[in-house]
Amino acid sequence: MKIALAQLNFTVGDIKLNTAKIIDAIRRAKSEKADLVVFSEFAVSGTPAYGLLTKTTFLTLCEEAIESIAAECRGIAAIVGTPYLTDEGPISAAAYIDGRGVVEYIGKRYVSARREMGYIVGSSIGCQTIHLKGNSLRVVVGDDLSRMDDIDEDIDAIISINARRYGKGIMTRRFDKMSRLAFTEGTNLLLMNQVGGSGDIVYDGTSGILNRNGQLVMLLNSFEEDFRIFDTEAENKPMEVPFTTYKDRNSMLYKAACLGLRDYFHKNGYTKACVGLSGGIDSAVVACIAVGALGKENVRVLLMPSPFTPNESVEDAKHLAENLGVEYSVLPIIEAYNAIVGTLQPVIGGTEFDATEENIQTRIRTTMLMALQNKTGYMLLNSSNKSENALGWCTLYGDTAGTFSPTGDLYKGEIYDLARYINDSLGNVIPDEILDKEPSSELRPNQKDSDFLPHYEVIDAILFRMIEKKQHREEIINAGFDSDVVEKIHTMVMQNEKKRYQFPPVLRLSPCAFGHEWLMPLVNHYHD
């Protein structure tokens, strides 16, 4: 039997476009003599569709799309993910269409993703077995795969359609779990996953097939559309999972960030991006991702030195912009800063220089970048990182602003790792001076982040244990970290939830992103 795997990039709500892509893939599968073609979960609707899944008109259009797709399935079977309205409510379903165009819906029993809870319900009837070309195939939707009971009947393969998002380390664990399942059940396992950016989520694709021994025998590309034919009768040699090394991890992060940014822009009708280039590492990496996602001709940067910006930082930013080939302008904010501070003298005159004057600088820069966005359509990219977001080491309505944040879920150390990967891959576009300089906001003379904070290696290690590992402060201190440092970082994290509530959309690249897996009350007096 020949099975076609159609890993496609769908758009939420564009049922017409999604249906056309599905029909094109069915026709291709027919031309290549496939017996079955498999698509991902929510292929018809795109995902996450959130409140659209509660609209009867939306669900009706999805059902009509399945009817159109079924009309193309004469002589070939298909499994297509779609929302489906039942007497129980809307469910996530696999529409199995046989070679005569007859449709059967197979539901997802367990709804575990927050982005689906409250919008769909679990189906009372879960995975089902279909029979095709003398083969018994168990069709499973979404997270039901991880909750399957032992299969008593003789099954030739499990077909699991999914919408599993990318996150650091998740892909390796995904294939480890699938390998154990295939080996334990003694059956072949096919995973078909979504691919593409969808708001703050990016789906990696990486669909694949494992044999009865739990060995990988086919792997589709990550972060791009792919189409393959798998012949169950052919000799399918085992292969290694190819994304286990440190370099692979950075490659995946870069591809995920580029795809997430590209699809966020293009699916929203945006084409051009602007970045405030400071001469620091964060904005340098964001500018590189923007060029990788949108092309250098669609990226523009502003260099906005304040009275406290060293000339070296301006030259470093110029050097980077020239290496990337992007248009740049140097627009000093000294006069604007002096004018605002002067105007405020009746209010702040006679007080010591503090965060007030620092924040004025960042908000002036945001005003100028937003003016560029309004006048020319260059959408502002945020250049934050997870370490600073966690600590609140950022200015509301200043460096927290932007249309989209491609790096806000990456720790500071990961930003440096990504910068080194970019240089290795793209030819040292980020000057060594940017990589080597000590982190600084440059909002007062000779300022360094380490004047107030521990070094980021220590911060990141503590934050990772606190956020990703959910460890209590005592556990972190017992692991060898200074108690005063741990207490300081914990206090900063807990006091700055109010800032994180006001961030722009942040691309989720970790298993524990702020606002989703990590979400604290906006008002919170818990101090244990």
Protein backbone atom coordinates (compact mmCIF):
# COMPACT_ATOMS: atom_id res chain seq x y z
CA MET A 1 0.00 0.00 0.00
CA LYS A 2 1.21 3.51 -0.81
CA ILE A 3 0.51 6.27 1.72
CA ALA A 4 1.00 9.93 0.82
CA LEU A 5 1.99 12.27 3.64
CA ALA A 6 0.92 15.85 2.86
CA GLN A 7 2.52 18.22 5.35
CA LEU A 8 1.05 21.60 4.47
CA ASN A 9 1.03 25.13 5.91
CA PHE A 10 -2.58 26.09 6.59
CA THR A 11 -4.04 29.49 7.55
CA VAL A 12 -6.55 29.86 10.37
CA GLY A 13 -9.97 30.74 9.02
CA ASP A 14 -9.04 30.62 5.33
CA ILE A 15 -11.16 27.56 4.64
CA LYS A 16 -11.23 28.19 0.90
CA LEU A 17 -7.43 28.35 0.58
CA ASN A 18 -6.89 25.41 2.92
CA THR A 19 -9.39 23.31 0.96
CA ALA A 20 -7.68 24.17 -2.34
CA LYS A 21 -4.32 23.07 -0.93
CA ILE A 22 -5.82 19.80 0.30
CA ILE A 23 -7.45 19.08 -3.08
CA ASP A 24 -4.19 19.84 -4.92
CA ALA A 25 -2.37 17.37 -2.66
CA ILE A 26 -5.05 14.72 -3.26
CA ARG A 27 -4.67 15.13 -7.00
CA ARG A 28 -0.90 14.82 -6.69
CA ALA A 29 -1.27 11.70 -4.55
CA LYS A 30 -3.57 10.21 -7.18
CA SER A 31 -1.06 10.93 -9.92
CA GLU A 32 1.62 9.14 -7.90
CA LYS A 33 -0.63 6.08 -7.44
CA ALA A 34 -1.13 6.47 -3.70
CA ASP A 35 -3.90 4.52 -1.97
CA LEU A 36 -4.26 6.91 0.99
CA VAL A 37 -3.31 10.54 1.62
CA VAL A 38 -3.00 11.88 5.17
CA PHE A 39 -3.30 15.49 6.38
CA SER A 40 -2.80 17.05 9.80
CA GLU A 41 -5.27 17.82 12.58
CA PHE A 42 -7.39 20.93 11.87
CA ALA A 43 -6.20 20.99 8.26
CA VAL A 44 -9.45 22.46 6.96
CA SER A 45 -9.78 25.22 9.57
CA GLY A 46 -6.19 25.95 10.51
CA THR A 47 -5.25 26.11 14.19
CA PRO A 48 -5.45 27.46 16.83
CA ALA A 49 -8.87 28.78 15.82
CA TYR A 50 -9.98 29.63 19.38
CA GLY A 51 -13.42 31.31 19.36
CA LEU A 52 -14.00 30.55 15.68
CA LEU A 53 -14.65 26.97 16.81
CA THR A 54 -17.78 28.14 18.64
CA LYS A 55 -19.32 29.72 15.54
CA THR A 56 -21.89 27.51 13.85
CA THR A 57 -21.31 29.23 10.49
CA PHE A 58 -17.59 28.49 10.69
CA LEU A 59 -18.20 24.82 11.49
CA THR A 60 -20.75 24.58 8.69
CA LEU A 61 -18.22 25.93 6.18
CA CYS A 62 -15.70 23.34 7.39
CA GLU A 63 -18.24 20.55 6.88
CA GLU A 64 -19.04 21.84 3.39
CA ALA A 65 -15.30 21.89 2.66
CA ILE A 66 -15.10 18.21 3.59
CA GLU A 67 -17.89 17.51 1.10
CA SER A 68 -15.88 19.27 -1.63
CA ILE A 69 -12.77 17.31 -0.68
CA ALA A 70 -14.73 14.04 -0.67
CA ALA A 71 -15.80 14.70 -4.26
CA GLU A 72 -12.10 14.52 -5.23
CA CYS A 73 -11.56 11.19 -3.49
CA ARG A 74 -12.77 8.86 -6.21
CA GLY A 75 -10.18 6.10 -6.32
CA ILE A 76 -8.16 7.31 -3.33
CA ALA A 77 -8.82 7.47 0.40
CA ALA A 78 -7.98 10.46 2.59
CA ILE A 79 -7.71 11.37 6.26
CA VAL A 80 -8.31 15.07 6.81
CA GLY A 81 -8.29 16.95 10.14
CA THR A 82 -11.25 19.25 10.69
CA PRO A 83 -13.47 20.65 13.44
CA TYR A 84 -16.88 19.00 13.39
CA LEU A 85 -20.11 19.90 15.15
CA THR A 86 -21.73 17.00 17.01
CA ASP A 87 -24.63 16.73 19.43
CA GLU A 88 -22.01 16.96 22.20
CA GLY A 89 -20.55 20.16 20.78
CA PRO A 90 -17.67 20.96 18.41
CA ILE A 91 -14.89 18.36 18.34
CA SER A 92 -11.55 17.89 16.65
CA ALA A 93 -12.04 15.11 14.14
CA ALA A 94 -10.34 13.12 11.45
CA ALA A 95 -12.61 12.92 8.43
CA TYR A 96 -11.91 9.54 6.87
CA ILE A 97 -12.99 9.60 3.23
CA ASP A 98 -12.93 6.27 1.42
CA GLY A 99 -12.29 5.74 -2.28
CA ARG A 100 -15.99 6.27 -3.08
CA GLY A 101 -16.16 9.65 -1.34
CA VAL A 102 -18.03 8.36 1.74
CA VAL A 103 -17.13 10.31 4.90
CA GLU A 104 -16.77 8.98 8.45
CA TYR A 105 -15.76 11.25 11.35
CA ILE A 106 -13.36 9.97 14.01
CA GLY A 107 -13.20 12.24 17.07
CA LYS A 108 -10.58 13.26 19.60
CA ARG A 109 -11.54 12.11 23.08
CA TYR A 110 -9.03 14.04 25.21
CA VAL A 111 -8.73 17.82 24.99
CA SER A 112 -5.59 18.83 26.91
CA ALA A 113 -4.20 21.92 25.15
CA ARG A 114 -5.23 25.23 26.72
CA ARG A 115 -5.67 26.75 23.26
CA GLU A 116 -8.51 24.24 22.65
CA MET A 117 -10.15 24.05 26.09
CA GLY A 118 -13.46 25.87 26.17
CA TYR A 119 -13.73 25.87 22.38
CA ILE A 120 -14.06 22.16 21.62
CA VAL A 121 -15.22 19.20 23.68
CA GLY A 122 -13.88 15.70 23.92
CA SER A 123 -15.62 13.18 21.71
CA SER A 124 -17.31 10.29 23.51
CA ILE A 125 -15.98 8.02 20.76
CA GLY A 126 -12.24 8.20 20.21
CA CYS A 127 -9.86 6.40 17.87
CA GLN A 128 -11.30 3.99 15.32
CA THR A 129 -9.99 1.26 13.01
CA ILE A 130 -10.40 1.55 9.26
CA HIS A 131 -9.68 -1.13 6.67
CA LEU A 132 -7.95 -0.33 3.41
CA LYS A 133 -6.27 -2.57 0.84
CA GLY A 134 -6.27 -5.46 3.29
CA ASN A 135 -4.68 -3.35 6.05
CA SER A 136 -6.14 -2.47 9.43
CA LEU A 137 -5.28 1.10 10.35
CA ARG A 138 -5.99 2.69 13.72
CA VAL A 139 -6.78 6.41 13.27
CA VAL A 140 -6.01 8.62 16.27
CA VAL A 141 -6.50 12.37 16.66
CA GLY A 142 -4.21 14.63 18.70
CA ASP A 143 -3.26 13.79 22.28
CA ASP A 144 -5.30 10.59 22.23
CA LEU A 145 -2.08 8.99 20.98
CA SER A 146 -0.42 9.36 24.38
CA ARG A 147 -3.45 7.89 26.16
CA MET A 148 -4.06 4.84 24.02
CA ASP A 149 -4.89 1.62 25.80
CA ASP A 150 -3.29 -1.61 24.65
CA ILE A 151 -4.65 -2.54 21.24
CA ASP A 152 -6.17 -6.00 21.38
CA GLU A 153 -6.92 -6.33 17.69
CA ASP A 154 -4.36 -6.99 14.99
CA ILE A 155 -3.35 -3.56 13.67
CA ASP A 156 -0.98 -2.94 10.77
CA ALA A 157 -0.38 0.71 11.61
CA ILE A 158 -1.46 3.58 13.81
CA ILE A 159 -2.11 6.85 11.98
CA SER A 160 -1.97 9.87 14.28
CA ILE A 161 -2.92 13.30 12.98
CA ASN A 162 -1.71 16.15 15.15
CA ALA A 163 -1.17 19.88 15.66
CA ARG A 164 1.90 19.77 17.91
CA ARG A 165 3.72 23.05 18.31
CA TYR A 166 7.47 23.48 18.32
CA GLY A 167 9.36 24.03 21.54
CA LYS A 168 12.98 23.56 22.55
CA GLY A 169 13.59 19.89 23.29
CA ILE A 170 10.00 18.88 22.52
CA MET A 171 10.81 17.20 19.20
CA THR A 172 13.33 14.79 20.68
CA ARG A 173 10.91 13.81 23.46
CA ARG A 174 8.14 13.46 20.88
CA PHE A 175 10.04 10.89 18.85
CA ASP A 176 11.26 9.06 21.96
CA LYS A 177 7.65 8.64 23.06
CA MET A 178 6.53 7.55 19.60
CA SER A 179 9.38 5.05 19.36
CA ARG A 180 8.41 3.44 22.66
CA LEU A 181 4.75 3.29 21.60
CA ALA A 182 5.50 1.68 18.23
CA PHE A 183 7.80 -0.87 19.85
CA THR A 184 5.41 -1.64 22.72
CA GLU A 185 2.40 -2.09 20.43
CA GLY A 186 4.47 -3.92 17.81
CA THR A 187 2.98 -1.85 15.00
CA ASN A 188 3.97 0.83 12.51
CA LEU A 189 3.24 4.40 13.58
CA LEU A 190 2.60 7.37 11.28
CA LEU A 191 2.58 10.89 12.74
CA MET A 192 1.22 13.71 10.57
CA ASN A 193 1.79 17.15 12.08
CA GLN A 194 0.88 20.74 11.26
CA VAL A 195 3.59 23.05 9.90
CA GLY A 196 3.75 26.84 9.80
CA GLY A 197 3.44 29.91 11.97
CA SER A 198 0.06 30.66 13.49
CA GLY A 199 0.07 33.75 15.69
CA ASP A 200 2.42 33.20 18.61
CA ILE A 201 2.76 29.48 17.83
CA VAL A 202 4.94 27.78 15.26
CA TYR A 203 4.30 24.20 14.17
CA ASP A 204 7.43 22.37 13.10
CA GLY A 205 5.95 19.69 10.86
CA THR A 206 8.62 16.97 11.16
CA SER A 207 6.02 14.31 10.37
CA GLY A 208 7.35 10.79 10.22
CA ILE A 209 6.88 7.04 10.22
CA LEU A 210 8.31 4.49 12.64
CA ASN A 211 8.39 0.74 12.11
CA ARG A 212 7.31 -2.01 14.47
CA ASN A 213 10.70 -1.94 16.18
CA GLY A 214 10.33 1.74 17.03
CA GLN A 215 12.85 2.78 14.38
CA LEU A 216 12.39 5.89 12.29
CA VAL A 217 12.02 5.00 8.60
CA MET A 218 10.75 8.27 7.10
CA LEU A 219 11.04 11.88 8.28
CA LEU A 220 9.53 14.90 6.55
CA ASN A 221 11.26 18.28 6.61
CA SER A 222 11.00 20.58 9.60
CA PHE A 223 9.52 24.10 9.29
CA GLU A 224 8.49 23.75 5.66
CA GLU A 225 5.86 22.08 3.54
CA ASP A 226 6.67 18.57 2.37
CA PHE A 227 5.04 15.75 0.46
CA ARG A 228 6.25 12.14 0.46
CA ILE A 229 4.99 8.73 -0.63
CA PHE A 230 5.58 5.83 1.74
CA ASP A 231 5.39 2.35 0.23
CA THR A 232 4.66 -0.22 2.91
CA GLU A 233 5.93 -3.02 0.64
CA ALA A 234 9.30 -1.39 -0.10
CA GLU A 235 12.48 -1.86 1.91
CA ASN A 236 12.38 1.03 4.34
CA LYS A 237 15.73 1.29 6.07
CA PRO A 238 15.91 2.77 9.59
CA MET A 239 17.40 6.24 10.01
CA GLU A 240 18.66 8.33 12.92
CA VAL A 241 16.68 11.21 14.41
CA PRO A 242 18.70 14.14 13.00
CA PHE A 243 18.14 16.92 15.54
CA THR A 244 19.87 15.84 18.72
CA THR A 245 23.07 17.93 18.82
CA TYR A 246 23.70 21.40 20.23
CA LYS A 247 24.16 22.83 16.72
CA ASP A 248 20.89 21.22 15.57
CA ARG A 249 19.13 22.91 18.47
CA ASN A 250 20.27 26.38 17.38
CA SER A 251 19.45 25.61 13.76
CA MET A 252 15.93 24.63 14.80
CA LEU A 253 15.51 27.79 16.87
CA TYR A 254 16.59 29.98 13.96
CA LYS A 255 14.29 28.21 11.49
CA ALA A 256 11.40 28.35 13.95
CA ALA A 257 11.89 32.07 14.60
CA CYS A 258 12.11 32.86 10.88
CA LEU A 259 9.03 30.80 10.03
CA GLY A 260 7.03 32.18 12.94
CA LEU A 261 7.89 35.77 12.01
CA ARG A 262 7.36 35.24 8.26
CA ASP A 263 3.94 33.65 8.68
CA TYR A 264 2.84 36.16 11.33
CA PHE A 265 3.61 38.95 8.88
CA HIS A 266 2.41 37.41 5.63
CA LYS A 267 -0.77 35.89 7.06
CA ASN A 268 -1.64 39.30 8.53
CA GLY A 269 -0.87 41.09 5.28
CA TYR A 270 2.36 42.73 6.51
CA THR A 271 5.47 42.73 4.33
CA LYS A 272 8.01 45.08 5.94
CA ALA A 273 9.63 45.28 9.38
CA CYS A 274 11.63 47.88 11.28
CA VAL A 275 14.03 47.36 14.18
CA GLY A 276 15.63 49.80 16.59
CA LEU A 277 19.30 48.85 16.33
CA SER A 278 21.25 49.70 19.48
CA GLY A 279 24.58 48.02 18.90
CA GLY A 280 23.57 45.34 21.43
CA ILE A 281 23.10 41.62 20.97
CA ASP A 282 19.29 41.44 21.21
CA SER A 283 18.44 43.88 18.43
CA ALA A 284 21.26 42.43 16.32
CA VAL A 285 19.74 38.94 16.44
CA VAL A 286 16.22 40.26 15.77
CA ALA A 287 17.49 42.16 12.72
CA CYS A 288 19.13 38.98 11.41
CA ILE A 289 15.94 36.98 11.93
CA ALA A 290 13.93 39.69 10.18
CA VAL A 291 16.24 39.54 7.16
CA GLY A 292 16.08 35.73 7.16
CA ALA A 293 12.29 35.79 7.32
CA LEU A 294 11.39 38.75 5.10
CA GLY A 295 14.44 39.55 2.97
CA LYS A 296 16.84 42.46 3.41
CA GLU A 297 14.82 44.64 1.04
CA ASN A 298 11.89 44.51 3.48
CA VAL A 299 13.80 45.44 6.64
CA ARG A 300 14.73 48.93 7.80
CA VAL A 301 16.58 49.88 10.99
CA LEU A 302 16.89 53.08 12.99
CA LEU A 303 19.95 53.95 15.08
CA MET A 304 18.87 56.39 17.79
CA PRO A 305 21.79 57.40 20.02
CA SER A 306 21.01 59.24 23.26
CA PRO A 307 23.38 61.49 25.27
CA PHE A 308 24.71 58.30 26.92
CA THR A 309 25.24 56.13 23.84
CA PRO A 310 28.94 55.45 23.19
CA ASN A 311 30.13 56.17 19.65
CA GLU A 312 31.36 52.58 19.48
CA SER A 313 27.79 51.26 19.78
CA VAL A 314 26.65 53.45 16.89
CA GLU A 315 29.54 52.20 14.74
CA ASP A 316 28.79 48.57 15.69
CA ALA A 317 25.14 49.02 14.68
CA LYS A 318 26.17 50.63 11.38
CA HIS A 319 28.56 47.76 10.70
CA LEU A 320 25.80 45.20 11.30
CA ALA A 321 23.30 47.06 9.09
CA GLU A 322 25.85 47.23 6.28
CA ASN A 323 26.68 43.53 6.64
CA LEU A 324 22.97 42.68 6.39
CA GLY A 325 22.44 45.06 3.48
CA VAL A 326 19.46 46.78 5.10
CA GLU A 327 18.53 50.43 4.89
CA TYR A 328 19.41 52.38 8.02
CA SER A 329 19.14 55.91 9.38
CA VAL A 330 20.98 57.52 12.29
CA LEU A 331 18.52 59.71 14.20
CA PRO A 332 19.98 61.07 17.46
CA ILE A 333 17.40 61.61 20.21
CA ILE A 334 19.51 64.09 22.20
CA GLU A 335 17.42 67.16 21.35
CA ALA A 336 14.13 65.35 21.94
CA TYR A 337 15.41 64.00 25.27
CA ASN A 338 16.61 67.41 26.44
CA ALA A 339 13.33 68.99 25.37
CA ILE A 340 11.20 66.51 27.31
CA VAL A 341 13.38 66.63 30.42
CA GLY A 342 13.38 70.42 30.21
CA THR A 343 9.60 70.54 29.86
CA LEU A 344 9.28 68.30 32.94
CA GLN A 345 11.45 70.51 35.14
CA PRO A 346 8.46 71.93 37.06
CA VAL A 347 7.63 68.33 38.01
CA ILE A 348 10.99 66.55 38.31
CA GLY A 349 13.39 69.44 38.78
CA GLY A 350 15.76 69.11 41.73
CA THR A 351 15.49 65.30 41.88
CA GLU A 352 18.25 62.79 41.30
CA PHE A 353 18.71 61.14 37.88
CA ASP A 354 16.95 57.76 38.02
CA ALA A 355 14.75 55.39 36.00
CA THR A 356 12.57 58.35 35.01
CA GLU A 357 15.22 59.80 32.72
CA GLU A 358 16.24 56.34 31.55
CA ASN A 359 12.71 55.40 30.54
CA ILE A 360 12.18 58.69 28.70
CA GLN A 361 14.96 57.64 26.32
CA THR A 362 13.45 54.27 25.47
CA ARG A 363 9.98 55.75 25.01
CA ILE A 364 11.33 58.41 22.65
CA ARG A 365 12.86 55.66 20.55
CA THR A 366 9.58 53.76 20.48
CA THR A 367 7.73 56.92 19.42
CA MET A 368 10.12 57.33 16.48
CA LEU A 369 9.88 53.67 15.45
CA MET A 370 6.09 53.80 15.64
CA ALA A 371 6.15 56.96 13.53
CA LEU A 372 8.11 55.03 10.90
CA GLN A 373 5.55 52.24 11.11
CA ASN A 374 2.60 54.64 10.72
CA LYS A 375 4.15 56.62 7.88
CA THR A 376 5.72 53.81 5.81
CA GLY A 377 4.17 50.51 6.92
CA TYR A 378 7.38 49.08 8.41
CA MET A 379 5.94 47.10 11.33
CA LEU A 380 7.94 47.39 14.54
CA LEU A 381 9.67 44.25 15.83
CA ASN A 382 10.28 43.91 19.55
CA SER A 383 13.84 42.98 20.58
CA SER A 384 13.27 41.56 24.06
CA ASN A 385 14.53 38.33 25.61
CA LYS A 386 13.08 36.00 28.22
CA SER A 387 15.63 36.83 30.92
CA GLU A 388 14.81 40.53 30.88
CA ASN A 389 11.08 39.84 30.47
CA ALA A 390 11.16 37.58 33.50
CA LEU A 391 12.91 40.15 35.68
CA GLY A 392 10.97 43.14 34.38
CA TRP A 393 14.30 44.60 33.20
CA CYS A 394 12.51 46.55 30.50
CA THR A 395 10.51 49.75 30.01
CA LEU A 396 6.75 49.59 29.54
CA TYR A 397 5.70 51.44 26.37
CA GLY A 398 9.38 51.59 25.49
CA ASP A 399 11.43 48.48 24.70
CA THR A 400 8.41 46.27 25.47
CA ALA A 401 6.52 47.71 22.48
CA GLY A 402 6.18 46.17 19.03
CA THR A 403 3.99 44.28 16.62
CA PHE A 404 5.67 40.96 17.35
CA SER A 405 8.53 39.56 19.43
CA PRO A 406 10.42 36.71 17.73
CA THR A 407 12.96 36.30 20.58
CA GLY A 408 11.00 37.12 23.75
CA ASP A 409 10.86 33.44 24.76
CA LEU A 410 14.65 32.94 24.53
CA TYR A 411 16.93 33.48 27.50
CA LYS A 412 19.84 35.92 27.16
CA GLY A 413 22.34 33.09 26.85
CA GLU A 414 20.26 31.56 24.06
CA ILE A 415 20.34 34.90 22.23
CA TYR A 416 24.15 34.69 22.25
CA ASP A 417 24.01 31.06 21.09
CA LEU A 418 21.71 32.05 18.25
CA ALA A 419 24.02 34.93 17.31
CA ARG A 420 26.98 32.56 17.04
CA TYR A 421 24.93 30.15 14.94
CA ILE A 422 23.89 33.00 12.64
CA ASN A 423 27.51 34.02 12.21
CA ASP A 424 28.58 30.44 11.51
CA SER A 425 25.80 30.01 8.96
CA LEU A 426 25.63 33.44 7.32
CA GLY A 427 29.25 34.54 7.39
CA ASN A 428 29.97 36.63 10.52
CA VAL A 429 27.34 39.29 9.87
CA ILE A 430 27.19 40.20 13.58
CA PRO A 431 30.41 42.08 14.46
CA ASP A 432 32.60 40.56 17.17
CA GLU A 433 32.34 43.81 19.08
CA ILE A 434 28.61 43.20 19.60
CA LEU A 435 29.21 39.64 20.75
CA ASP A 436 32.05 40.58 23.08
CA LYS A 437 30.69 43.70 24.80
CA GLU A 438 29.18 43.49 28.26
CA PRO A 439 25.36 43.82 28.23
CA SER A 440 24.18 47.37 28.91
CA SER A 441 21.06 49.44 28.44
CA GLU A 442 23.28 52.51 27.86
CA LEU A 443 20.74 54.78 29.54
CA ARG A 444 23.21 56.47 31.88
CA PRO A 445 27.00 57.03 31.77
CA ASN A 446 29.09 53.81 31.79
CA GLN A 447 26.05 51.71 32.69
CA LYS A 448 26.33 47.92 32.75
CA ASP A 449 23.55 45.42 33.54
CA SER A 450 25.92 43.74 36.02
CA ASP A 451 25.89 46.93 38.14
CA PHE A 452 22.49 45.81 39.40
CA LEU A 453 22.08 42.20 38.23
CA PRO A 454 24.18 39.05 38.53
CA HIS A 455 25.81 37.87 35.33
CA TYR A 456 23.30 36.43 32.87
CA GLU A 457 24.84 32.96 33.08
CA VAL A 458 23.73 32.86 36.72
CA ILE A 459 20.39 34.56 36.04
CA ASP A 460 19.51 32.15 33.22
CA ALA A 461 20.42 29.08 35.26
CA ILE A 462 18.19 30.22 38.13
CA LEU A 463 15.34 31.30 35.84
CA PHE A 464 15.41 27.99 33.97
CA ARG A 465 15.04 26.05 37.21
CA MET A 466 12.36 28.43 38.47
CA ILE A 467 10.27 28.67 35.29
CA GLU A 468 10.86 25.57 33.16
CA LYS A 469 11.54 23.14 36.02
CA LYS A 470 9.03 24.74 38.46
CA GLN A 471 11.55 24.43 41.30
CA HIS A 472 11.03 26.15 44.63
CA ARG A 473 13.65 28.63 45.83
CA GLU A 474 14.90 26.15 48.43
CA GLU A 475 15.59 23.57 45.72
CA ILE A 476 17.55 26.12 43.70
CA ILE A 477 19.56 27.25 46.72
CA ASN A 478 20.27 23.61 47.63
CA ALA A 479 21.63 23.14 44.11
CA GLY A 480 24.42 25.58 45.02
CA PHE A 481 23.10 29.04 44.12
CA ASP A 482 23.56 31.99 46.45
CA SER A 483 20.42 32.45 48.56
CA ASP A 484 20.42 36.26 48.33
CA VAL A 485 20.69 36.10 44.53
CA VAL A 486 17.90 33.53 44.28
CA GLU A 487 15.63 35.60 46.53
CA LYS A 488 16.32 38.75 44.51
CA ILE A 489 15.55 37.07 41.20
CA HIS A 490 12.42 35.41 42.56
CA THR A 491 11.14 38.74 43.88
CA MET A 492 11.77 40.46 40.53
CA VAL A 493 9.98 37.69 38.64
CA MET A 494 6.92 37.71 40.88
CA GLN A 495 6.64 41.52 41.01
CA ASN A 496 6.69 42.01 37.26
CA GLU A 497 3.77 39.92 36.06
CA LYS A 498 1.96 43.22 35.44
CA LYS A 499 4.56 44.07 32.79
CA ARG A 500 4.26 40.71 31.08
CA TYR A 501 0.50 41.20 30.77
CA GLN A 502 1.26 44.17 28.51
CA PHE A 503 3.84 42.59 26.19
CA PRO A 504 3.31 42.28 22.44
CA PRO A 505 2.71 38.79 21.02
CA VAL A 506 5.79 36.69 21.83
CA LEU A 507 6.68 33.72 19.63
CA ARG A 508 6.55 30.63 21.84
CA LEU A 509 9.83 28.75 21.41
CA SER A 510 10.10 27.07 24.83
CA PRO A 511 7.97 24.45 26.57
CA CYS A 512 7.06 27.06 29.22
CA ALA A 513 6.16 30.42 27.74
CA PHE A 514 4.94 33.42 29.72
CA GLY A 515 1.18 33.88 29.54
CA HIS A 516 0.58 30.23 28.70
CA GLU A 517 2.39 27.51 30.64
CA TRP A 518 3.57 30.22 33.10
CA LEU A 519 0.72 32.48 34.14
CA MET A 520 0.49 34.18 37.54
CA PRO A 521 -2.35 36.30 38.96
CA LEU A 522 -2.18 39.97 38.07
CA VAL A 523 -2.81 40.73 41.76
CA ASN A 524 -0.87 38.32 43.94
CA HIS A 525 0.08 38.40 47.65
CA TYR A 526 1.55 34.89 47.79
CA HIS A 527 5.14 35.05 49.04
CA ASP A 528 6.09 31.50 50.07
